[in-house]
Amino acid sequence: MVTGANSGIGREAAAALARAGAQVTLAVRDEAKGRAAAAAMSGTVDVRRLDLADLASVRAFADAWEGHLDVLVDNAGVMATPERRTVDGFELQLGTNHLGHFALTNLLLPRITDRVVVVSSSAHRMGHIDVDDLNWERRRYRPWPAYSQSKLANLLFVRGLQRRLDAAGSPLRAVAAHPGYAATDLQRKTGNRFAATGMVLLNRLVAQSAAAGALPTLYAAVEDIPGGSYVGPDGWMEQRGRPKLVAPSAAAADDDTALRLWDLSERLTGVRFLLGG
């Protein structure tokens, strides 16, 4: 299953997996766009509605899932949006990029047979987790720091999940990937016309294609790599190139912050780790 698979690197990853013979579910907020994406893919592809900015939608999606799930790819995300709130009152980027996926993954975990892949970003290196104001209720909201915080949260989630899987004696793996700088629709949805125009120009001059940006996700989904691994491009500043194992920031390896974020995420979502008791 690939979340946010109607466009960008999610669509490219889903299409590649389907071409290789996998049965792929596109978990998307807009079913019409999802069906259009699926129609252009070869192989066995189905579409299901999932709104990560609404925990009721996440729970309904997980409750409706039947059978096993080999690989869950937590790909969907929003980037540098104006200040907005999810249905449950979370800051939109944190709620969509981290908390929605945190809830979805833990709810589906008893059905997963191989691994969870969480798509982060090189922007995590600029991130800071403020556990006392995670949802930007007291700080002056800033779109890019909020995005970077959510992407750092992705990596801390993977770290925390792998530690719990190991402690439970589970063979499952939690791994992460980032696409480098890939040209996708995400850059045009910041709500800032000036920034969006600049990113469109950068896309033409610097970015690799969405298909190339999907390669780290695919590598993380199918290669025999250790739990807790992080995959990114091997080229200039990890922005372009072929996938390889890369090192996250020191902040992404902070076990104390990972624990505090996990506990807070459980409280905010009402969802717990569902393996090992």
Protein backbone atom coordinates (compact mmCIF):
# COMPACT_ATOMS: atom_id res chain seq x y z
CA MET A 1 0.00 0.00 0.00
CA VAL A 2 1.23 3.48 -0.87
CA THR A 3 -0.36 6.55 0.69
CA GLY A 4 -0.67 9.66 -1.45
CA ALA A 5 -0.10 7.59 -4.59
CA ASN A 6 -2.15 9.66 -7.04
CA SER A 7 0.80 11.96 -7.89
CA GLY A 8 4.52 12.57 -7.47
CA ILE A 9 6.93 10.03 -6.09
CA GLY A 10 4.10 8.04 -4.53
CA ARG A 11 2.52 7.52 -7.93
CA GLU A 12 5.86 6.58 -9.49
CA ALA A 13 6.66 4.12 -6.70
CA ALA A 14 3.21 2.52 -6.87
CA ALA A 15 3.41 2.17 -10.65
CA ALA A 16 6.86 0.55 -10.47
CA LEU A 17 5.72 -1.92 -7.80
CA ALA A 18 2.63 -2.83 -9.83
CA ARG A 19 4.72 -3.33 -12.98
CA ALA A 20 6.95 -5.69 -11.01
CA GLY A 21 3.96 -7.85 -10.08
CA ALA A 22 2.92 -6.50 -6.70
CA GLN A 23 -0.75 -6.04 -5.87
CA VAL A 24 -0.83 -2.34 -4.99
CA THR A 25 -3.38 -0.25 -3.13
CA LEU A 26 -3.40 3.49 -3.73
CA ALA A 27 -4.54 5.08 -0.47
CA VAL A 28 -5.63 8.57 -1.49
CA ARG A 29 -7.75 11.46 -0.27
CA ASP A 30 -9.19 12.20 -3.73
CA GLU A 31 -10.61 8.97 -5.13
CA ALA A 32 -11.21 10.43 -8.61
CA LYS A 33 -7.53 11.36 -8.92
CA GLY A 34 -6.59 7.99 -7.51
CA ARG A 35 -8.70 6.16 -10.10
CA ALA A 36 -7.15 8.25 -12.89
CA ALA A 37 -3.66 7.36 -11.63
CA ALA A 38 -4.57 3.67 -11.33
CA ALA A 39 -5.96 3.60 -14.87
CA ALA A 40 -2.54 4.60 -16.19
CA MET A 41 -0.77 1.79 -14.32
CA SER A 42 -0.23 -1.78 -15.43
CA GLY A 43 -0.73 -4.70 -13.09
CA THR A 44 -3.13 -5.16 -10.19
CA VAL A 45 -4.02 -1.82 -8.62
CA ASP A 46 -6.95 -0.77 -6.46
CA VAL A 47 -7.92 2.58 -4.94
CA ARG A 48 -9.20 3.30 -1.44
CA ARG A 49 -10.01 6.59 0.23
CA LEU A 50 -7.81 7.75 3.09
CA ASP A 51 -7.64 11.24 4.57
CA LEU A 52 -4.63 11.40 6.86
CA ALA A 53 -5.80 14.76 8.19
CA ASP A 54 -8.85 13.08 9.74
CA LEU A 55 -8.30 10.37 12.35
CA ALA A 56 -11.83 9.04 11.82
CA SER A 57 -10.91 8.39 8.18
CA VAL A 58 -7.68 6.70 9.26
CA ARG A 59 -9.53 4.42 11.68
CA ALA A 60 -12.22 3.58 9.14
CA PHE A 61 -9.57 2.73 6.56
CA ALA A 62 -7.70 0.45 8.97
CA ASP A 63 -10.90 -1.20 10.21
CA ALA A 64 -11.92 -2.01 6.63
CA TRP A 65 -8.60 -3.61 5.72
CA GLU A 66 -8.84 -7.38 5.35
CA GLY A 67 -6.02 -9.86 5.02
CA HIS A 68 -2.29 -9.26 5.24
CA LEU A 69 -0.24 -6.34 3.97
CA ASP A 70 3.37 -7.01 3.00
CA VAL A 71 4.66 -3.43 2.75
CA LEU A 72 3.15 -0.16 3.92
CA VAL A 73 4.66 2.95 2.32
CA ASP A 74 3.84 6.08 4.33
CA ASN A 75 4.41 8.55 1.50
CA ALA A 76 1.63 11.15 1.51
CA GLY A 77 2.47 14.62 2.70
CA VAL A 78 2.00 18.35 2.47
CA MET A 79 4.79 20.92 2.38
CA ALA A 80 5.20 24.46 3.72
CA THR A 81 1.49 25.22 3.76
CA PRO A 82 -0.12 28.30 5.29
CA GLU A 83 -1.24 27.75 8.88
CA ARG A 84 -4.14 25.32 8.85
CA ARG A 85 -5.60 22.69 11.15
CA THR A 86 -6.70 19.13 10.57
CA VAL A 87 -10.18 17.90 11.45
CA ASP A 88 -8.80 16.91 14.86
CA GLY A 89 -7.16 20.30 15.47
CA PHE A 90 -3.55 19.37 14.70
CA GLU A 91 -1.24 21.67 12.75
CA LEU A 92 -1.79 20.45 9.18
CA GLN A 93 1.76 19.42 8.28
CA LEU A 94 2.38 17.59 11.55
CA GLY A 95 -1.09 16.06 11.44
CA THR A 96 -0.79 14.82 7.87
CA ASN A 97 2.89 13.97 7.59
CA HIS A 98 3.41 12.43 11.02
CA LEU A 99 0.36 11.91 13.21
CA GLY A 100 -1.88 10.50 10.46
CA HIS A 101 0.81 8.03 9.45
CA PHE A 102 1.61 7.22 13.09
CA ALA A 103 -2.01 6.22 13.65
CA LEU A 104 -2.37 4.37 10.35
CA THR A 105 0.82 2.36 10.83
CA ASN A 106 0.06 1.28 14.36
CA LEU A 107 -3.53 0.35 13.50
CA LEU A 108 -2.40 -1.77 10.54
CA LEU A 109 0.70 -3.21 12.23
CA PRO A 110 -0.85 -6.58 13.18
CA ARG A 111 -1.56 -7.17 9.46
CA ILE A 112 1.87 -6.13 8.11
CA THR A 113 4.15 -9.03 7.20
CA ASP A 114 7.40 -7.43 6.03
CA ARG A 115 8.09 -3.73 6.57
CA VAL A 116 6.99 -0.13 6.94
CA VAL A 117 8.63 2.53 4.77
CA VAL A 118 8.27 6.14 5.90
CA VAL A 119 9.13 8.87 3.40
CA SER A 120 10.95 11.75 5.07
CA SER A 121 12.96 14.61 3.55
CA SER A 122 16.45 16.08 3.66
CA ALA A 123 14.64 19.07 5.21
CA HIS A 124 14.55 17.06 8.44
CA ARG A 125 18.10 18.34 9.02
CA MET A 126 16.66 21.80 9.69
CA GLY A 127 13.95 20.43 11.96
CA HIS A 128 13.45 20.78 15.70
CA ILE A 129 10.88 18.88 17.75
CA ASP A 130 9.17 21.13 20.26
CA VAL A 131 7.32 18.60 22.40
CA ASP A 132 5.86 21.43 24.50
CA ASP A 133 4.27 23.09 21.47
CA LEU A 134 4.22 20.40 18.80
CA ASN A 135 1.11 21.82 17.14
CA TRP A 136 2.25 25.46 16.94
CA GLU A 137 -0.37 26.74 19.36
CA ARG A 138 1.93 29.15 21.21
CA ARG A 139 4.74 29.80 18.73
CA ARG A 140 4.39 32.10 15.73
CA TYR A 141 3.66 29.74 12.89
CA ARG A 142 6.32 29.42 10.20
CA PRO A 143 5.62 27.10 7.25
CA TRP A 144 9.12 25.79 6.58
CA PRO A 145 10.12 25.10 10.20
CA ALA A 146 6.76 23.36 10.62
CA TYR A 147 7.50 21.20 7.58
CA SER A 148 11.01 20.40 8.79
CA GLN A 149 9.63 19.45 12.21
CA SER A 150 7.17 17.04 10.60
CA LYS A 151 9.91 15.41 8.52
CA LEU A 152 12.16 15.03 11.56
CA ALA A 153 9.17 13.46 13.32
CA ASN A 154 9.00 10.90 10.49
CA LEU A 155 12.52 9.71 11.23
CA LEU A 156 12.04 9.68 14.99
CA PHE A 157 8.89 7.64 14.42
CA VAL A 158 10.87 5.06 12.43
CA ARG A 159 13.48 4.94 15.19
CA GLY A 160 10.86 4.48 17.88
CA LEU A 161 8.93 1.91 15.88
CA GLN A 162 12.01 -0.22 15.17
CA ARG A 163 12.97 -0.22 18.86
CA ARG A 164 9.49 -1.47 19.75
CA LEU A 165 9.52 -4.11 17.02
CA ASP A 166 12.88 -5.38 18.27
CA ALA A 167 11.67 -5.45 21.87
CA ALA A 168 8.56 -7.40 20.81
CA GLY A 169 10.69 -9.96 18.95
CA SER A 170 8.98 -9.03 15.69
CA PRO A 171 10.68 -9.73 12.33
CA LEU A 172 9.10 -6.61 10.84
CA ARG A 173 11.30 -3.73 9.74
CA ALA A 174 10.73 0.00 9.90
CA VAL A 175 12.86 1.96 7.43
CA ALA A 176 12.89 5.46 5.99
CA ALA A 177 13.72 7.10 2.68
CA HIS A 178 13.94 10.55 1.17
CA PRO A 179 13.73 11.49 -2.53
CA GLY A 180 16.32 14.25 -2.65
CA TYR A 181 15.09 17.13 -4.77
CA ALA A 182 12.47 15.74 -7.11
CA ALA A 183 10.11 17.72 -9.33
CA THR A 184 6.56 17.02 -8.12
CA ASP A 185 3.26 18.84 -7.59
CA LEU A 186 4.16 19.27 -3.92
CA GLN A 187 6.22 22.39 -4.63
CA ARG A 188 3.24 24.09 -6.24
CA LYS A 189 0.94 23.61 -3.24
CA THR A 190 2.62 25.75 -0.61
CA GLY A 191 0.02 28.52 -0.86
CA ASN A 192 2.79 31.05 -1.46
CA ARG A 193 2.79 32.20 -5.08
CA PHE A 194 6.30 33.66 -4.93
CA ALA A 195 7.79 30.53 -3.36
CA ALA A 196 5.90 28.26 -5.75
CA THR A 197 7.19 30.20 -8.77
CA GLY A 198 10.76 29.96 -7.49
CA MET A 199 10.40 26.22 -6.94
CA VAL A 200 9.04 25.68 -10.43
CA LEU A 201 12.18 27.36 -11.80
CA LEU A 202 14.40 25.27 -9.51
CA ASN A 203 12.56 22.15 -10.65
CA ARG A 204 13.57 22.91 -14.23
CA LEU A 205 17.18 23.72 -13.38
CA VAL A 206 18.11 21.39 -10.53
CA ALA A 207 15.53 18.75 -9.71
CA GLN A 208 15.56 15.16 -10.82
CA SER A 209 12.36 13.58 -12.11
CA ALA A 210 9.65 12.18 -9.87
CA ALA A 211 10.56 8.71 -11.18
CA ALA A 212 14.17 9.19 -10.05
CA GLY A 213 12.94 10.63 -6.76
CA ALA A 214 10.93 7.44 -6.18
CA LEU A 215 14.00 5.20 -6.37
CA PRO A 216 14.98 5.57 -2.67
CA THR A 217 11.42 4.63 -1.68
CA LEU A 218 11.54 1.57 -3.93
CA TYR A 219 14.96 0.59 -2.60
CA ALA A 220 13.69 0.90 0.98
CA ALA A 221 10.61 -1.17 0.10
CA VAL A 222 12.29 -4.14 -1.55
CA GLU A 223 15.99 -4.39 -0.67
CA ASP A 224 17.25 -6.52 2.22
CA ILE A 225 18.32 -3.66 4.51
CA PRO A 226 18.39 -3.51 8.31
CA GLY A 227 15.51 -2.12 10.29
CA GLY A 228 16.04 1.54 11.07
CA SER A 229 17.86 2.20 7.78
CA TYR A 230 17.57 5.49 5.93
CA VAL A 231 17.83 5.62 2.14
CA GLY A 232 18.56 8.65 -0.03
CA PRO A 233 20.25 9.62 -3.32
CA ASP A 234 23.99 9.14 -3.65
CA GLY A 235 24.70 12.34 -5.58
CA TRP A 236 25.30 16.00 -4.77
CA MET A 237 24.28 16.68 -1.16
CA GLU A 238 21.86 13.73 -1.39
CA GLN A 239 19.69 15.71 -3.79
CA ARG A 240 20.15 13.58 -6.91
CA GLY A 241 21.38 10.16 -7.91
CA ARG A 242 20.95 6.48 -7.24
CA PRO A 243 19.66 5.20 -3.88
CA LYS A 244 22.01 4.22 -1.08
CA LEU A 245 21.98 4.01 2.72
CA VAL A 246 22.58 7.47 4.18
CA ALA A 247 22.95 8.90 7.67
CA PRO A 248 20.22 11.04 9.24
CA SER A 249 20.92 14.07 11.40
CA ALA A 250 21.98 13.71 15.01
CA ALA A 251 18.56 15.01 16.04
CA ALA A 252 16.94 12.08 14.22
CA ALA A 253 18.97 9.66 16.35
CA ASP A 254 18.00 11.20 19.70
CA ASP A 255 16.34 8.39 21.65
CA ASP A 256 15.03 10.67 24.39
CA THR A 257 13.22 12.89 21.88
CA ALA A 258 11.99 9.81 20.01
CA LEU A 259 10.46 8.46 23.23
CA ARG A 260 8.84 11.76 24.17
CA LEU A 261 7.45 12.20 20.65
CA TRP A 262 6.08 8.65 20.65
CA ASP A 263 4.33 9.12 23.98
CA LEU A 264 2.86 12.44 22.85
CA SER A 265 1.77 10.97 19.52
CA GLU A 266 -0.05 8.17 21.35
CA ARG A 267 -1.86 10.70 23.51
CA LEU A 268 -2.82 12.93 20.59
CA THR A 269 -4.04 10.14 18.32
CA GLY A 270 -5.34 7.68 20.91
CA VAL A 271 -3.46 4.91 19.09
CA ARG A 272 -0.90 2.58 20.72
CA PHE A 273 1.72 0.14 19.50
CA LEU A 274 -0.32 -3.00 18.89
CA LEU A 275 2.31 -5.74 19.00
CA GLY A 276 3.78 -7.48 22.01
CA GLY A 277 0.99 -6.72 24.45
